[in-house]
Amino acid sequence: MLAILLAAAAAAPDLTICADRPSKANGACTAPVGHWQIEASAIDWTHSSDTDVASIGQTFAKLGLSSSSDVEVGFTPYVSIKQPGSDASGVGDAVVRYKQRLTTADAPVQAALIPFVKLPTAAHSIGNGKVEGGLAVPLSTAVGKSMTLTLGPEVDMLADGDGHGYHAAITNLINLGWSAVPKLSLSAELWNNTNFDPGGTQHLWSADASAAYLASNRLQLDAGANFGLNRATADIELYGGVSVLF
C-alpha cells in the first residue's frame, strides 16, 4: 500500500495536494477537477472518563467535479466502543459531502459551502440509526507570509436523543496555521459545539493541535491531538493519517 501511495504521489508533480486533514477545520480548497483524493486516518482513539472509542481507516474519498467543486464520500470500516459492562464494534456511519468554493483561488479571503448528510450505515450499538445533516462554511485568510487564519461555522440538524424529532447544533472554531518550514505545517485550534437537544443543551469545548508533513506534492502525512476543556467533552483524542492525490 505504501508503494502504491508513493507511486501515485510521484506522478504528475504539477499538482499539489490540499487536504482538509488533519485539524477539525475544513479548507476552502477542493480536489482538482477529474482527480481523486483520499484522506484517511490510520487510527483515531478517543478517551473519556468511562468510554474509549477507537476507529481504524476512517476515510474520505474526493472527486474533483470542476475547478471549484468536489464531491466527497466518507466511511469508517471499523469502530470499537468500550464502556463498563458494554462493548460494541462494527462499521461506522457514512457521510456524503459536496464542497463549492465561493471565491477565486487567489482571493485574499477564501470561502466555501459544504452541505453534507450522514447516512446511518452503522449498527445501533455504534450509531443512532438516523439520517442527519448540516452545512459548514469555512473561511480563511493569510496572516503575514507564513500563517493562515481559518474560521469554521457550521449548523447541523441532529436527531433528538429520544429518537422522536430533530434539533439544531452549532459548531464554531478558530484555527491558526503556521508553515514552519516549506514542507511542515503546524496548527492550533479552539473548537466549540453547542447541541440544543430538547433533553438538555450540551456544550463541548476542546483545544486542538496538529502537524502535517508534505512528503511530496501529492502525499501528506499528519498527526494531531485534541484536548477536552470541560467535563462534557472527551478528555483526549489522538490520531494520525495520510492524504494522497491521484
Protein backbone atom coordinates (compact mmCIF):
# COMPACT_ATOMS: atom_id res chain seq x y z
CA MET A 1 0.00 0.00 0.00
CA LEU A 2 2.86 2.38 0.84
CA ALA A 3 4.46 1.67 -2.55
CA ILE A 4 1.17 2.48 -4.31
CA LEU A 5 0.82 5.75 -2.39
CA LEU A 6 4.39 6.78 -3.17
CA ALA A 7 3.95 5.97 -6.85
CA ALA A 8 0.73 7.98 -7.03
CA ALA A 9 2.34 10.87 -5.18
CA ALA A 10 5.29 10.92 -7.58
CA ALA A 11 3.09 11.13 -10.68
CA ALA A 12 2.28 14.50 -12.34
CA PRO A 13 4.14 16.72 -9.85
CA ASP A 14 2.48 19.86 -11.30
CA LEU A 15 -0.40 19.41 -8.80
CA THR A 16 -0.08 19.87 -5.04
CA ILE A 17 -2.48 18.29 -2.57
CA CYS A 18 -4.67 20.50 -0.37
CA ALA A 19 -6.38 18.36 2.28
CA ASP A 20 -8.95 19.09 4.99
CA ARG A 21 -6.96 16.89 7.35
CA PRO A 22 -5.60 16.97 9.97
CA SER A 23 -7.49 19.58 12.08
CA LYS A 24 -11.25 19.86 12.65
CA ALA A 25 -11.25 22.91 10.37
CA ASN A 26 -12.23 22.45 6.74
CA GLY A 27 -10.35 24.16 3.94
CA ALA A 28 -11.98 26.11 1.12
CA CYS A 29 -9.85 24.29 -1.48
CA THR A 30 -11.24 21.37 -3.48
CA ALA A 31 -9.79 18.30 -5.19
CA PRO A 32 -8.51 19.13 -8.73
CA VAL A 33 -11.07 18.55 -11.48
CA GLY A 34 -11.07 14.94 -12.67
CA HIS A 35 -8.75 13.75 -9.89
CA TRP A 36 -9.35 11.52 -6.88
CA GLN A 37 -8.10 12.46 -3.45
CA ILE A 38 -8.05 10.07 -0.49
CA GLU A 39 -7.80 11.38 3.07
CA ALA A 40 -7.58 8.57 5.63
CA SER A 41 -6.99 8.18 9.35
CA ALA A 42 -4.80 5.18 10.14
CA ILE A 43 -6.16 5.19 13.70
CA ASP A 44 -8.21 7.55 15.84
CA TRP A 45 -8.50 6.99 19.60
CA THR A 46 -10.72 8.96 21.99
CA HIS A 47 -10.76 8.59 25.79
CA SER A 48 -13.20 9.97 28.33
CA SER A 49 -13.84 9.07 31.96
CA ASP A 50 -15.86 5.92 31.19
CA THR A 51 -15.57 5.38 27.42
CA ASP A 52 -12.85 4.53 24.92
CA VAL A 53 -13.61 4.83 21.21
CA ALA A 54 -11.17 3.67 18.52
CA SER A 55 -11.68 3.80 14.77
CA ILE A 56 -9.46 2.39 12.03
CA GLY A 57 -9.36 3.55 8.42
CA GLN A 58 -11.78 6.47 8.65
CA THR A 59 -11.60 7.72 5.05
CA PHE A 60 -12.89 10.47 2.78
CA ALA A 61 -12.71 9.83 -0.96
CA LYS A 62 -13.00 13.05 -3.00
CA LEU A 63 -13.56 13.56 -6.72
CA GLY A 64 -12.97 16.96 -8.31
CA LEU A 65 -16.03 17.99 -10.34
CA SER A 66 -14.83 21.40 -11.51
CA SER A 67 -12.10 23.90 -10.73
CA SER A 68 -14.07 24.97 -7.66
CA SER A 69 -16.14 21.97 -6.53
CA ASP A 70 -15.86 18.33 -5.48
CA VAL A 71 -17.99 15.52 -4.09
CA GLU A 72 -16.82 13.60 -1.04
CA VAL A 73 -17.83 10.25 0.48
CA GLY A 74 -16.70 9.34 3.98
CA PHE A 75 -16.83 5.92 5.62
CA THR A 76 -15.32 4.14 8.62
CA PRO A 77 -14.74 0.39 8.18
CA TYR A 78 -14.19 -0.34 11.88
CA VAL A 79 -15.27 1.35 15.12
CA SER A 80 -14.78 -0.04 18.64
CA ILE A 81 -16.59 1.40 21.69
CA LYS A 82 -15.63 0.18 25.15
CA GLN A 83 -17.71 1.10 28.20
CA PRO A 84 -18.07 -0.52 31.63
CA GLY A 85 -20.09 -3.69 31.07
CA SER A 86 -20.79 -2.87 27.41
CA ASP A 87 -18.56 -3.23 24.34
CA ALA A 88 -19.55 -2.75 20.71
CA SER A 89 -17.72 -2.82 17.39
CA GLY A 90 -18.52 -2.70 13.69
CA VAL A 91 -18.83 -0.43 10.67
CA GLY A 92 -19.41 3.28 11.28
CA ASP A 93 -21.84 5.69 9.64
CA ALA A 94 -21.23 7.09 6.13
CA VAL A 95 -21.10 10.78 5.16
CA VAL A 96 -21.69 12.39 1.75
CA ARG A 97 -20.49 15.98 1.24
CA TYR A 98 -20.41 18.49 -1.60
CA LYS A 99 -17.90 21.35 -1.46
CA GLN A 100 -18.29 24.51 -3.51
CA ARG A 101 -15.60 27.17 -3.29
CA LEU A 102 -17.21 30.62 -3.49
CA THR A 103 -14.08 32.66 -4.17
CA THR A 104 -11.31 32.58 -6.76
CA ALA A 105 -8.23 30.54 -5.95
CA ASP A 106 -6.13 33.69 -5.45
CA ALA A 107 -8.68 35.71 -3.44
CA PRO A 108 -7.32 37.20 -0.18
CA VAL A 109 -10.23 35.65 1.73
CA GLN A 110 -11.23 32.10 0.80
CA ALA A 111 -14.78 30.83 1.41
CA ALA A 112 -16.70 27.65 0.63
CA LEU A 113 -20.04 25.97 1.28
CA ILE A 114 -20.10 22.32 2.39
CA PRO A 115 -23.58 20.78 2.68
CA PHE A 116 -23.47 17.22 3.96
CA VAL A 117 -25.65 14.30 5.02
CA LYS A 118 -24.88 11.42 7.37
CA LEU A 119 -26.26 8.03 6.36
CA PRO A 120 -26.98 5.51 9.16
CA THR A 121 -24.86 2.60 7.94
CA ALA A 122 -23.68 1.71 11.47
CA ALA A 123 -25.44 -0.71 13.80
CA HIS A 124 -27.50 0.83 16.62
CA SER A 125 -24.76 -0.13 19.07
CA ILE A 126 -22.41 2.22 17.14
CA GLY A 127 -24.69 4.96 15.74
CA ASN A 128 -28.18 6.32 16.35
CA GLY A 129 -29.74 4.89 13.17
CA LYS A 130 -30.89 8.32 11.93
CA VAL A 131 -30.22 10.40 8.83
CA GLU A 132 -28.65 13.71 9.87
CA GLY A 133 -27.02 16.60 8.03
CA GLY A 134 -25.80 20.15 8.06
CA LEU A 135 -23.89 22.96 6.39
CA ALA A 136 -20.29 24.06 7.05
CA VAL A 137 -18.89 27.40 5.83
CA PRO A 138 -15.07 27.52 6.05
CA LEU A 139 -13.48 30.97 5.82
CA SER A 140 -9.72 31.50 5.67
CA THR A 141 -7.22 34.27 5.05
CA ALA A 142 -3.45 34.68 5.12
CA VAL A 143 -1.92 36.38 8.15
CA GLY A 144 1.53 37.59 7.21
CA LYS A 145 3.74 35.44 4.99
CA SER A 146 3.55 32.10 6.78
CA MET A 147 0.30 31.94 8.77
CA THR A 148 -3.33 31.26 7.90
CA LEU A 149 -6.41 32.06 9.97
CA THR A 150 -9.46 29.82 9.45
CA LEU A 151 -12.96 30.13 10.88
CA GLY A 152 -15.36 27.19 10.69
CA PRO A 153 -19.01 27.98 11.45
CA GLU A 154 -21.35 25.02 10.98
CA VAL A 155 -25.05 24.32 11.57
CA ASP A 156 -26.31 20.74 11.97
CA MET A 157 -29.71 19.08 12.15
CA LEU A 158 -29.40 16.16 14.58
CA ALA A 159 -31.81 13.52 15.79
CA ASP A 160 -33.26 14.07 19.27
CA GLY A 161 -31.88 11.83 21.98
CA ASP A 162 -35.31 10.20 22.39
CA GLY A 163 -35.47 9.46 18.65
CA HIS A 164 -38.71 11.36 18.02
CA GLY A 165 -37.57 14.50 16.21
CA TYR A 166 -34.70 16.76 15.20
CA HIS A 167 -32.93 19.74 16.70
CA ALA A 168 -30.13 22.15 15.79
CA ALA A 169 -26.50 22.14 16.82
CA ILE A 170 -23.96 24.88 16.13
CA THR A 171 -20.20 24.50 15.76
CA ASN A 172 -17.63 27.30 15.80
CA LEU A 173 -13.85 27.12 15.62
CA ILE A 174 -10.85 29.30 15.12
CA ASN A 175 -7.70 27.74 13.66
CA LEU A 176 -4.28 29.31 13.24
CA GLY A 177 -1.96 27.50 10.87
CA TRP A 178 1.78 28.13 10.55
CA SER A 179 4.10 26.97 7.77
CA ALA A 180 7.09 26.30 9.99
CA VAL A 181 9.28 25.18 7.07
CA PRO A 182 8.37 24.62 3.38
CA LYS A 183 7.10 21.04 3.92
CA LEU A 184 5.89 21.19 7.53
CA SER A 185 2.80 22.99 8.81
CA LEU A 186 1.52 23.26 12.38
CA SER A 187 -1.85 24.40 13.66
CA ALA A 188 -3.53 25.35 16.93
CA GLU A 189 -7.30 25.40 17.22
CA LEU A 190 -10.09 26.27 19.64
CA TRP A 191 -13.31 24.35 18.93
CA ASN A 192 -16.83 24.65 20.37
CA ASN A 193 -20.08 22.77 19.75
CA THR A 194 -23.49 23.60 21.25
CA ASN A 195 -26.11 20.86 20.93
CA PHE A 196 -29.69 22.05 21.54
CA ASP A 197 -31.22 18.64 22.27
CA PRO A 198 -34.69 19.00 23.90
CA GLY A 199 -33.47 16.66 26.63
CA GLY A 200 -30.83 19.23 27.65
CA THR A 201 -28.43 21.59 25.91
CA GLN A 202 -24.84 20.36 25.82
CA HIS A 203 -21.71 22.49 25.39
CA LEU A 204 -18.45 20.94 24.15
CA TRP A 205 -15.07 22.68 24.11
CA SER A 206 -11.64 21.48 23.00
CA ALA A 207 -8.16 22.84 22.35
CA ASP A 208 -6.51 21.09 19.42
CA ALA A 209 -3.04 20.84 17.90
CA SER A 210 -1.89 19.13 14.71
CA ALA A 211 1.01 18.80 12.30
CA ALA A 212 1.16 17.92 8.59
CA TYR A 213 4.22 16.96 6.56
CA LEU A 214 4.21 17.20 2.76
CA ALA A 215 6.27 14.16 1.79
CA SER A 216 5.77 15.07 -1.88
CA ASN A 217 3.42 17.30 -3.88
CA ARG A 218 0.76 14.60 -3.75
CA LEU A 219 1.37 12.90 -0.41
CA GLN A 220 0.72 14.35 3.06
CA LEU A 221 1.30 12.69 6.44
CA ASP A 222 -0.32 14.05 9.59
CA ALA A 223 -0.92 13.62 13.31
CA GLY A 224 -2.84 15.52 15.96
CA ALA A 225 -4.26 15.69 19.46
CA ASN A 226 -7.48 17.23 20.79
CA PHE A 227 -7.89 18.05 24.49
CA GLY A 228 -11.30 18.43 26.16
CA LEU A 229 -11.78 21.66 28.12
CA ASN A 230 -14.91 20.72 30.08
CA ARG A 231 -16.50 17.60 31.55
CA ALA A 232 -18.90 17.08 28.66
CA THR A 233 -16.03 16.79 26.17
CA ALA A 234 -13.84 13.71 25.75
CA ASP A 235 -10.59 14.07 27.71
CA ILE A 236 -8.26 13.41 24.79
CA GLU A 237 -8.30 12.34 21.15
CA LEU A 238 -5.16 11.17 19.33
CA TYR A 239 -4.93 10.40 15.61
CA GLY A 240 -2.62 10.01 12.65
CA GLY A 241 -3.26 9.65 8.95
CA VAL A 242 -2.34 10.17 5.33
CA SER A 243 -3.75 12.06 2.33
CA VAL A 244 -2.87 11.29 -1.30
CA LEU A 245 -3.86 12.91 -4.59
CA PHE A 246 -4.20 10.63 -7.63
